[in-house]
Amino acid sequence: MSIKKQYVKNKSRCKVTFQVQKEMGNGARQMYVVGEFNQWDKGATPMKCQKNGTFAVTVDLDPNRTYQFRYLADGSDWISDQDADMHVHCPYGNCDNSVVIT
């Protein structure tokens, strides 16, 4: 998994690309990034499957903020991003949410 950040010239937005490699997706057919930036809406931000099996999506986020998120594979399997900027305990289960800092 990886997260790439690119700030627009005036630094008013940060384009964040979320990626889940094929191996980490465990054969998923669909992948979504779900987090604070989309009000934890499970279907709001679908990721596109690339030719090599990697899922990716780019999201415009406000700079100088932190956002919790996780990946949702096939509507049922939650995946944390091992390469996130940090992780915080999720109050809704025995898991950690990934965090991206813009």
N, C-alpha and C. Protein backbone atom coordinates (compact mmCIF):
# COMPACT_ATOMS: atom_id res chain seq x y z
N MET A 1 0.85 -1.16 0.00
CA MET A 1 0.00 0.00 0.00
C MET A 1 0.89 1.22 0.00
N SER A 2 0.36 2.27 -0.52
CA SER A 2 1.13 3.50 -0.50
C SER A 2 0.21 4.69 -0.61
N ILE A 3 0.72 5.81 -0.14
CA ILE A 3 0.01 7.07 -0.20
C ILE A 3 0.96 8.09 -0.80
N LYS A 4 0.50 8.78 -1.84
CA LYS A 4 1.30 9.83 -2.46
C LYS A 4 0.56 11.15 -2.32
N LYS A 5 1.30 12.21 -1.97
CA LYS A 5 0.71 13.53 -1.78
C LYS A 5 1.32 14.51 -2.75
N GLN A 6 0.46 15.34 -3.33
CA GLN A 6 0.93 16.39 -4.23
C GLN A 6 0.11 17.64 -3.94
N TYR A 7 0.82 18.72 -3.56
CA TYR A 7 0.15 19.97 -3.24
C TYR A 7 0.04 20.82 -4.50
N VAL A 8 -1.13 21.46 -4.68
CA VAL A 8 -1.26 22.39 -5.80
C VAL A 8 -0.40 23.60 -5.49
N LYS A 9 -0.06 24.38 -6.51
CA LYS A 9 0.92 25.46 -6.37
C LYS A 9 0.62 26.44 -5.25
N ASN A 10 -0.63 26.81 -5.06
CA ASN A 10 -0.94 27.77 -4.00
C ASN A 10 -1.21 27.09 -2.65
N LYS A 11 -1.01 25.78 -2.61
CA LYS A 11 -1.17 24.95 -1.40
C LYS A 11 -2.56 25.03 -0.78
N SER A 12 -3.56 25.30 -1.62
CA SER A 12 -4.92 25.34 -1.12
C SER A 12 -5.56 23.95 -1.08
N ARG A 13 -4.96 23.00 -1.79
CA ARG A 13 -5.46 21.62 -1.83
C ARG A 13 -4.28 20.67 -1.86
N CYS A 14 -4.52 19.48 -1.38
CA CYS A 14 -3.53 18.42 -1.45
C CYS A 14 -4.18 17.24 -2.17
N LYS A 15 -3.60 16.83 -3.28
CA LYS A 15 -4.09 15.67 -4.01
C LYS A 15 -3.41 14.44 -3.41
N VAL A 16 -4.21 13.58 -2.82
CA VAL A 16 -3.70 12.38 -2.17
C VAL A 16 -4.12 11.16 -2.98
N THR A 17 -3.15 10.37 -3.41
CA THR A 17 -3.43 9.14 -4.13
C THR A 17 -3.25 7.97 -3.18
N PHE A 18 -4.33 7.22 -3.01
CA PHE A 18 -4.34 6.03 -2.18
C PHE A 18 -4.18 4.83 -3.10
N GLN A 19 -3.31 3.89 -2.74
CA GLN A 19 -3.09 2.70 -3.55
C GLN A 19 -3.08 1.45 -2.68
N VAL A 20 -3.70 0.40 -3.19
CA VAL A 20 -3.67 -0.91 -2.55
C VAL A 20 -3.14 -1.89 -3.60
N GLN A 21 -1.98 -2.47 -3.33
CA GLN A 21 -1.40 -3.43 -4.26
C GLN A 21 -2.23 -4.71 -4.31
N LYS A 22 -2.14 -5.38 -5.42
CA LYS A 22 -2.91 -6.60 -5.66
C LYS A 22 -2.77 -7.60 -4.52
N GLU A 23 -1.54 -7.81 -4.05
CA GLU A 23 -1.30 -8.79 -2.97
C GLU A 23 -2.05 -8.44 -1.70
N MET A 24 -2.16 -7.15 -1.41
CA MET A 24 -2.82 -6.71 -0.18
C MET A 24 -4.34 -6.75 -0.30
N GLY A 25 -4.85 -6.74 -1.53
CA GLY A 25 -6.29 -6.77 -1.74
C GLY A 25 -6.91 -8.14 -1.62
N ASN A 26 -6.09 -9.18 -1.48
CA ASN A 26 -6.58 -10.55 -1.30
C ASN A 26 -7.61 -10.95 -2.35
N GLY A 27 -7.36 -10.58 -3.61
CA GLY A 27 -8.24 -10.98 -4.70
C GLY A 27 -9.54 -10.21 -4.77
N ALA A 28 -9.60 -9.05 -4.16
CA ALA A 28 -10.83 -8.25 -4.15
C ALA A 28 -11.23 -7.85 -5.56
N ARG A 29 -12.53 -7.76 -5.77
CA ARG A 29 -13.06 -7.30 -7.05
C ARG A 29 -13.38 -5.82 -7.01
N GLN A 30 -13.69 -5.32 -5.82
CA GLN A 30 -13.99 -3.91 -5.62
C GLN A 30 -13.23 -3.42 -4.40
N MET A 31 -12.81 -2.15 -4.46
CA MET A 31 -12.09 -1.56 -3.33
C MET A 31 -12.54 -0.11 -3.20
N TYR A 32 -12.74 0.32 -1.97
CA TYR A 32 -13.13 1.69 -1.67
C TYR A 32 -12.20 2.24 -0.60
N VAL A 33 -11.95 3.55 -0.65
CA VAL A 33 -11.29 4.21 0.48
C VAL A 33 -12.41 4.94 1.23
N VAL A 34 -12.47 4.68 2.52
CA VAL A 34 -13.56 5.18 3.35
C VAL A 34 -12.95 5.91 4.55
N GLY A 35 -13.39 7.14 4.79
CA GLY A 35 -12.80 7.87 5.90
C GLY A 35 -13.52 9.15 6.24
N GLU A 36 -12.85 9.93 7.06
CA GLU A 36 -13.44 11.19 7.52
C GLU A 36 -13.69 12.16 6.36
N PHE A 37 -12.89 12.09 5.32
CA PHE A 37 -13.03 13.00 4.19
C PHE A 37 -14.27 12.72 3.35
N ASN A 38 -14.89 11.56 3.51
CA ASN A 38 -16.14 11.26 2.80
C ASN A 38 -17.23 10.80 3.78
N GLN A 39 -17.12 11.25 5.02
CA GLN A 39 -18.09 10.96 6.08
C GLN A 39 -18.31 9.46 6.28
N TRP A 40 -17.25 8.68 6.07
CA TRP A 40 -17.27 7.22 6.25
C TRP A 40 -18.34 6.56 5.39
N ASP A 41 -18.63 7.16 4.24
CA ASP A 41 -19.60 6.60 3.30
C ASP A 41 -18.92 5.46 2.53
N LYS A 42 -19.40 4.25 2.73
CA LYS A 42 -18.75 3.06 2.16
C LYS A 42 -18.72 3.03 0.64
N GLY A 43 -19.59 3.75 -0.02
CA GLY A 43 -19.63 3.71 -1.47
C GLY A 43 -19.22 5.01 -2.15
N ALA A 44 -18.79 6.00 -1.38
CA ALA A 44 -18.53 7.34 -1.93
C ALA A 44 -17.26 7.42 -2.78
N THR A 45 -16.24 6.64 -2.45
CA THR A 45 -14.95 6.80 -3.13
C THR A 45 -14.42 5.45 -3.62
N PRO A 46 -14.95 4.99 -4.77
CA PRO A 46 -14.45 3.72 -5.31
C PRO A 46 -13.05 3.89 -5.87
N MET A 47 -12.27 2.84 -5.76
CA MET A 47 -10.92 2.83 -6.30
C MET A 47 -10.95 2.08 -7.64
N LYS A 48 -10.13 2.53 -8.56
CA LYS A 48 -10.08 1.91 -9.88
C LYS A 48 -9.00 0.84 -9.90
N CYS A 49 -9.34 -0.32 -10.46
CA CYS A 49 -8.38 -1.40 -10.59
C CYS A 49 -7.51 -1.16 -11.82
N GLN A 50 -6.21 -1.07 -11.61
CA GLN A 50 -5.25 -0.86 -12.69
C GLN A 50 -4.96 -2.20 -13.38
N LYS A 51 -4.29 -2.15 -14.52
CA LYS A 51 -3.97 -3.37 -15.27
C LYS A 51 -3.14 -4.36 -14.46
N ASN A 52 -2.31 -3.86 -13.55
CA ASN A 52 -1.46 -4.74 -12.75
C ASN A 52 -2.16 -5.26 -11.49
N GLY A 53 -3.45 -4.93 -11.33
CA GLY A 53 -4.20 -5.41 -10.18
C GLY A 53 -4.20 -4.49 -8.99
N THR A 54 -3.43 -3.40 -9.06
CA THR A 54 -3.40 -2.41 -7.99
C THR A 54 -4.66 -1.55 -8.07
N PHE A 55 -5.26 -1.26 -6.92
CA PHE A 55 -6.39 -0.34 -6.86
C PHE A 55 -5.86 1.04 -6.48
N ALA A 56 -6.40 2.10 -7.11
CA ALA A 56 -5.94 3.45 -6.82
C ALA A 56 -7.06 4.47 -7.01
N VAL A 57 -6.97 5.55 -6.24
CA VAL A 57 -7.88 6.69 -6.39
C VAL A 57 -7.16 7.92 -5.85
N THR A 58 -7.43 9.07 -6.46
CA THR A 58 -6.88 10.34 -5.99
C THR A 58 -8.02 11.19 -5.45
N VAL A 59 -7.79 11.76 -4.26
CA VAL A 59 -8.79 12.56 -3.57
C VAL A 59 -8.19 13.92 -3.26
N ASP A 60 -8.95 14.99 -3.47
CA ASP A 60 -8.51 16.34 -3.09
C ASP A 60 -8.87 16.57 -1.62
N LEU A 61 -7.87 16.88 -0.82
CA LEU A 61 -8.09 17.12 0.61
C LEU A 61 -7.57 18.49 1.01
N ASP A 62 -8.12 19.01 2.09
CA ASP A 62 -7.64 20.27 2.64
C ASP A 62 -6.26 20.05 3.25
N PRO A 63 -5.35 21.00 3.08
CA PRO A 63 -4.02 20.87 3.67
C PRO A 63 -4.04 21.14 5.18
N ASN A 64 -2.97 20.73 5.84
CA ASN A 64 -2.78 20.96 7.28
C ASN A 64 -3.86 20.32 8.14
N ARG A 65 -4.26 19.12 7.74
CA ARG A 65 -5.28 18.38 8.49
C ARG A 65 -4.88 16.92 8.59
N THR A 66 -5.52 16.22 9.50
CA THR A 66 -5.36 14.77 9.59
C THR A 66 -6.71 14.13 9.29
N TYR A 67 -6.67 13.01 8.59
CA TYR A 67 -7.89 12.29 8.21
C TYR A 67 -7.71 10.81 8.54
N GLN A 68 -8.66 10.24 9.27
CA GLN A 68 -8.66 8.81 9.50
C GLN A 68 -9.35 8.13 8.32
N PHE A 69 -8.88 6.92 7.99
CA PHE A 69 -9.47 6.19 6.87
C PHE A 69 -9.12 4.71 6.98
N ARG A 70 -9.81 3.91 6.16
CA ARG A 70 -9.50 2.50 5.96
C ARG A 70 -9.95 2.14 4.55
N TYR A 71 -9.50 1.00 4.08
CA TYR A 71 -9.94 0.48 2.79
C TYR A 71 -11.01 -0.57 3.03
N LEU A 72 -11.98 -0.64 2.12
CA LEU A 72 -13.05 -1.62 2.21
C LEU A 72 -13.03 -2.46 0.94
N ALA A 73 -12.74 -3.75 1.09
CA ALA A 73 -12.65 -4.68 -0.04
C ALA A 73 -13.94 -5.48 -0.15
N ASP A 74 -14.53 -5.46 -1.33
CA ASP A 74 -15.73 -6.24 -1.64
C ASP A 74 -16.87 -6.02 -0.65
N GLY A 75 -16.93 -4.84 -0.07
CA GLY A 75 -18.04 -4.47 0.81
C GLY A 75 -18.05 -5.09 2.18
N SER A 76 -17.00 -5.88 2.52
CA SER A 76 -17.04 -6.54 3.82
C SER A 76 -15.70 -6.63 4.56
N ASP A 77 -14.59 -6.56 3.85
CA ASP A 77 -13.29 -6.74 4.49
C ASP A 77 -12.58 -5.40 4.65
N TRP A 78 -12.33 -5.00 5.90
CA TRP A 78 -11.66 -3.74 6.19
C TRP A 78 -10.15 -3.97 6.23
N ILE A 79 -9.41 -3.06 5.59
CA ILE A 79 -7.95 -3.16 5.51
C ILE A 79 -7.34 -1.84 5.96
N SER A 80 -6.39 -1.90 6.86
CA SER A 80 -5.64 -0.70 7.26
C SER A 80 -4.44 -0.54 6.35
N ASP A 81 -4.00 0.69 6.18
CA ASP A 81 -2.84 0.98 5.33
C ASP A 81 -1.59 0.96 6.20
N GLN A 82 -0.73 -0.01 5.97
CA GLN A 82 0.50 -0.16 6.76
C GLN A 82 1.45 1.02 6.56
N ASP A 83 1.32 1.72 5.43
CA ASP A 83 2.21 2.83 5.11
C ASP A 83 1.61 4.19 5.46
N ALA A 84 0.52 4.20 6.22
CA ALA A 84 -0.11 5.47 6.60
C ALA A 84 0.84 6.28 7.48
N ASP A 85 0.56 7.58 7.57
CA ASP A 85 1.39 8.46 8.38
C ASP A 85 1.36 8.08 9.86
N MET A 86 0.24 7.56 10.30
CA MET A 86 0.12 7.05 11.67
C MET A 86 -1.15 6.22 11.76
N HIS A 87 -1.37 5.62 12.92
CA HIS A 87 -2.55 4.80 13.16
C HIS A 87 -3.14 5.17 14.51
N VAL A 88 -4.47 5.11 14.62
CA VAL A 88 -5.15 5.37 15.88
C VAL A 88 -6.17 4.27 16.12
N HIS A 89 -6.39 3.98 17.39
CA HIS A 89 -7.34 2.92 17.74
C HIS A 89 -8.75 3.34 17.32
N CYS A 90 -9.48 2.41 16.74
CA CYS A 90 -10.86 2.63 16.31
C CYS A 90 -11.79 2.28 17.48
N PRO A 91 -12.67 3.18 17.85
CA PRO A 91 -13.58 2.89 18.97
C PRO A 91 -14.69 1.91 18.62
N TYR A 92 -14.81 1.51 17.35
CA TYR A 92 -15.91 0.64 16.91
C TYR A 92 -15.49 -0.80 16.65
N GLY A 93 -14.36 -1.20 17.19
CA GLY A 93 -13.93 -2.57 16.97
C GLY A 93 -12.51 -2.76 17.44
N ASN A 94 -12.02 -3.95 17.30
CA ASN A 94 -10.66 -4.28 17.70
C ASN A 94 -9.74 -4.04 16.50
N CYS A 95 -9.52 -2.78 16.15
CA CYS A 95 -8.72 -2.45 14.98
C CYS A 95 -8.13 -1.04 15.12
N ASP A 96 -7.27 -0.69 14.21
CA ASP A 96 -6.71 0.65 14.15
C ASP A 96 -7.10 1.28 12.83
N ASN A 97 -7.44 2.57 12.88
CA ASN A 97 -7.67 3.33 11.65
C ASN A 97 -6.36 3.87 11.17
N SER A 98 -6.19 3.96 9.87
CA SER A 98 -5.04 4.60 9.27
C SER A 98 -5.27 6.10 9.27
N VAL A 99 -4.19 6.87 9.27
CA VAL A 99 -4.29 8.33 9.27
C VAL A 99 -3.36 8.89 8.20
N VAL A 100 -3.89 9.82 7.41
CA VAL A 100 -3.08 10.57 6.46
C VAL A 100 -3.02 12.01 6.96
N ILE A 101 -1.83 12.58 6.94
CA ILE A 101 -1.62 13.97 7.35
C ILE A 101 -1.29 14.78 6.11
N THR A 102 -2.10 15.80 5.84
CA THR A 102 -1.88 16.61 4.63
C THR A 102 -1.14 17.89 4.95
